[in-house]
Amino acid sequence: MDDGPHARLRRRKRRIDEHLRELAEMGELSKLPGEGAPLVDDDPTAGDRWAARHIAKNANVAPEFVELRREIADRRNSLVRRLRAHREWLEDRAALLRDLPAERILDAARATTDFDGRVGSELRSAIGEINALVARHNLRVPIALQIVPLALEDLRGD
């Protein structure tokens, strides 16, 4: 038995045709939206893939890399907000330290440094998670669509 790619494709097509015929005989395909109407070629640039794109578009399906790109952007925006809030806190804390009595400055400065270190660690961890998503994304797209991994220094200007 020939088990080349063309033979497998023919068998798969036969199974699909049989399954569609069974569904039609049972009435499962009747009264569906657009029944009997031809599929509209809404993307003439898609070539042979227009039907797949049409179905994916109407089913609100996006390629995985698009979803990854959205998640990366959402997480990056969240990280930028967290970094801005922390900077504001540090500025407020510096003003507080300037006004503290001398005997309390050392303990307050140490607490500030400890907290700043914990936040820095959280931010680096979040960047690591984002970069893992970036790596997954970059494996799925051509070089022109790849995203540069994120570094904390990149966010300092945001």
Protein backbone atom coordinates (compact mmCIF):
# COMPACT_ATOMS: atom_id res chain seq x y z
CA MET A 1 0.00 0.00 0.00
CA ASP A 2 1.40 3.39 -1.02
CA ASP A 3 1.74 5.51 2.10
CA GLY A 4 3.22 8.61 0.49
CA PRO A 5 1.94 12.11 1.27
CA HIS A 6 -0.46 12.11 -1.69
CA ALA A 7 -2.01 8.79 -0.67
CA ARG A 8 -2.47 10.00 2.92
CA LEU A 9 -4.04 13.21 1.66
CA ARG A 10 -6.47 11.27 -0.56
CA ARG A 11 -7.45 9.01 2.37
CA ARG A 12 -7.96 12.02 4.62
CA LYS A 13 -10.10 13.74 1.95
CA ARG A 14 -12.20 10.57 1.56
CA ARG A 15 -12.75 10.37 5.35
CA ILE A 16 -13.78 14.02 5.47
CA ASP A 17 -16.14 13.58 2.54
CA GLU A 18 -17.70 10.50 4.19
CA HIS A 19 -18.09 12.33 7.49
CA LEU A 20 -19.71 15.34 5.80
CA ARG A 21 -22.05 13.03 3.87
CA GLU A 22 -23.09 11.29 7.14
CA LEU A 23 -23.70 14.64 8.85
CA ALA A 24 -25.77 15.84 5.89
CA GLU A 25 -27.85 12.62 5.91
CA MET A 26 -28.55 13.07 9.64
CA GLY A 27 -29.59 16.70 9.03
CA GLU A 28 -26.79 18.14 11.13
CA LEU A 29 -25.77 20.55 8.37
CA SER A 30 -29.20 21.97 7.60
CA LYS A 31 -30.41 25.43 8.59
CA LEU A 32 -26.88 26.66 9.29
CA PRO A 33 -26.09 30.33 8.58
CA GLY A 34 -25.10 30.73 4.94
CA GLU A 35 -26.37 27.29 3.96
CA GLY A 36 -26.22 26.85 0.20
CA ALA A 37 -24.39 30.13 -0.35
CA PRO A 38 -20.87 30.08 -1.77
CA LEU A 39 -18.01 31.10 0.47
CA VAL A 40 -17.04 34.70 -0.18
CA ASP A 41 -13.41 35.30 -1.15
CA ASP A 42 -12.84 38.19 1.28
CA ASP A 43 -9.05 38.11 0.91
CA PRO A 44 -8.03 37.84 -2.75
CA THR A 45 -4.33 38.01 -1.78
CA ALA A 46 -4.55 34.77 0.22
CA GLY A 47 -4.26 32.57 -2.85
CA ASP A 48 -5.01 28.90 -2.19
CA ARG A 49 -5.50 29.58 1.51
CA TRP A 50 -8.45 31.96 1.16
CA ALA A 51 -11.02 29.46 2.46
CA ALA A 52 -8.97 28.64 5.56
CA ARG A 53 -8.45 32.34 6.24
CA HIS A 54 -12.15 33.03 5.73
CA ILE A 55 -13.15 30.32 8.22
CA ALA A 56 -10.52 31.38 10.76
CA LYS A 57 -11.56 35.03 10.46
CA ASN A 58 -15.25 34.25 10.94
CA ALA A 59 -14.48 31.99 13.89
CA ASN A 60 -12.46 34.80 15.54
CA VAL A 61 -9.37 32.61 15.49
CA ALA A 62 -6.00 34.32 15.55
CA PRO A 63 -2.64 32.69 14.95
CA GLU A 64 -0.76 31.79 18.11
CA PHE A 65 1.92 34.41 17.46
CA VAL A 66 -0.75 37.14 17.43
CA GLU A 67 -2.04 35.99 20.82
CA LEU A 68 1.53 35.83 22.13
CA ARG A 69 2.19 39.35 20.86
CA ARG A 70 -0.90 40.61 22.70
CA GLU A 71 0.09 38.86 25.91
CA ILE A 72 3.64 40.22 25.67
CA ALA A 73 2.30 43.76 25.16
CA ASP A 74 -0.15 43.42 28.07
CA ARG A 75 2.52 42.09 30.42
CA ARG A 76 5.00 44.74 29.31
CA ASN A 77 2.45 47.51 29.95
CA SER A 78 1.71 46.05 33.38
CA LEU A 79 5.43 45.93 34.12
CA VAL A 80 5.88 49.56 33.03
CA ARG A 81 3.02 50.61 35.35
CA ARG A 82 4.59 48.66 38.23
CA LEU A 83 7.98 50.27 37.57
CA ARG A 84 6.47 53.78 37.46
CA ALA A 85 4.60 53.17 40.72
CA HIS A 86 7.81 51.94 42.33
CA ARG A 87 9.74 55.00 41.12
CA GLU A 88 7.07 57.27 42.59
CA TRP A 89 7.27 55.34 45.84
CA LEU A 90 11.06 55.75 45.87
CA GLU A 91 10.72 59.51 45.31
CA ASP A 92 8.19 59.76 48.15
CA ARG A 93 10.43 57.64 50.33
CA ALA A 94 13.46 59.88 49.59
CA ALA A 95 11.42 62.93 50.65
CA LEU A 96 10.42 61.10 53.84
CA LEU A 97 14.04 60.19 54.57
CA ARG A 98 15.08 63.85 54.20
CA ASP A 99 12.56 64.86 56.85
CA LEU A 100 13.22 62.05 59.33
CA PRO A 101 15.08 62.64 62.57
CA ALA A 102 18.69 61.45 62.44
CA GLU A 103 18.11 58.47 64.77
CA ARG A 104 15.48 56.96 62.40
CA ILE A 105 17.19 57.56 59.06
CA LEU A 106 19.44 54.49 59.11
CA ASP A 107 16.62 52.00 59.79
CA ALA A 108 14.29 53.67 57.27
CA ALA A 109 17.02 53.73 54.61
CA ARG A 110 17.74 50.03 55.21
CA ALA A 111 14.03 49.19 54.93
CA THR A 112 13.83 51.22 51.72
CA THR A 113 16.85 49.42 50.26
CA ASP A 114 15.43 46.01 51.21
CA PHE A 115 12.06 46.77 49.67
CA ASP A 116 13.69 48.20 46.54
CA GLY A 117 15.69 44.97 46.21
CA ARG A 118 12.55 42.82 46.51
CA VAL A 119 10.74 44.89 43.89
CA GLY A 120 13.79 44.72 41.61
CA SER A 121 13.79 40.93 41.97
CA GLU A 122 10.06 40.78 41.14
CA LEU A 123 10.61 42.97 38.08
CA ARG A 124 13.51 40.81 36.85
CA SER A 125 11.38 37.70 37.33
CA ALA A 126 8.51 39.27 35.36
CA ILE A 127 10.96 40.22 32.60
CA GLY A 128 12.15 36.61 32.51
CA GLU A 129 8.56 35.43 32.03
CA ILE A 130 7.98 37.99 29.28
CA ASN A 131 11.21 36.95 27.56
CA ALA A 132 10.08 33.31 27.65
CA LEU A 133 6.94 34.42 25.76
CA VAL A 134 9.13 36.45 23.38
CA ALA A 135 11.22 33.34 22.68
CA ARG A 136 8.06 31.29 21.94
CA HIS A 137 6.79 34.07 19.69
CA ASN A 138 10.10 34.37 17.83
CA LEU A 139 10.11 30.65 17.08
CA ARG A 140 6.81 31.05 15.23
CA VAL A 141 7.47 34.13 13.08
CA PRO A 142 9.91 35.17 10.36
CA ILE A 143 12.88 37.29 11.39
CA ALA A 144 11.21 40.51 10.26
CA LEU A 145 8.40 40.00 12.83
CA GLN A 146 10.57 38.94 15.75
CA ILE A 147 10.56 40.88 19.01
CA VAL A 148 13.72 41.89 20.84
CA PRO A 149 13.93 40.39 24.35
CA LEU A 150 13.24 42.85 27.14
CA ALA A 151 15.73 44.15 29.69
CA LEU A 152 15.02 46.23 32.79
CA GLU A 153 17.24 48.98 31.40
CA ASP A 154 14.91 49.22 28.36
CA LEU A 155 12.05 50.19 30.68
CA ARG A 156 13.90 52.88 32.63
CA GLY A 157 12.94 55.51 30.05
CA ASP A 158 9.23 54.55 29.97
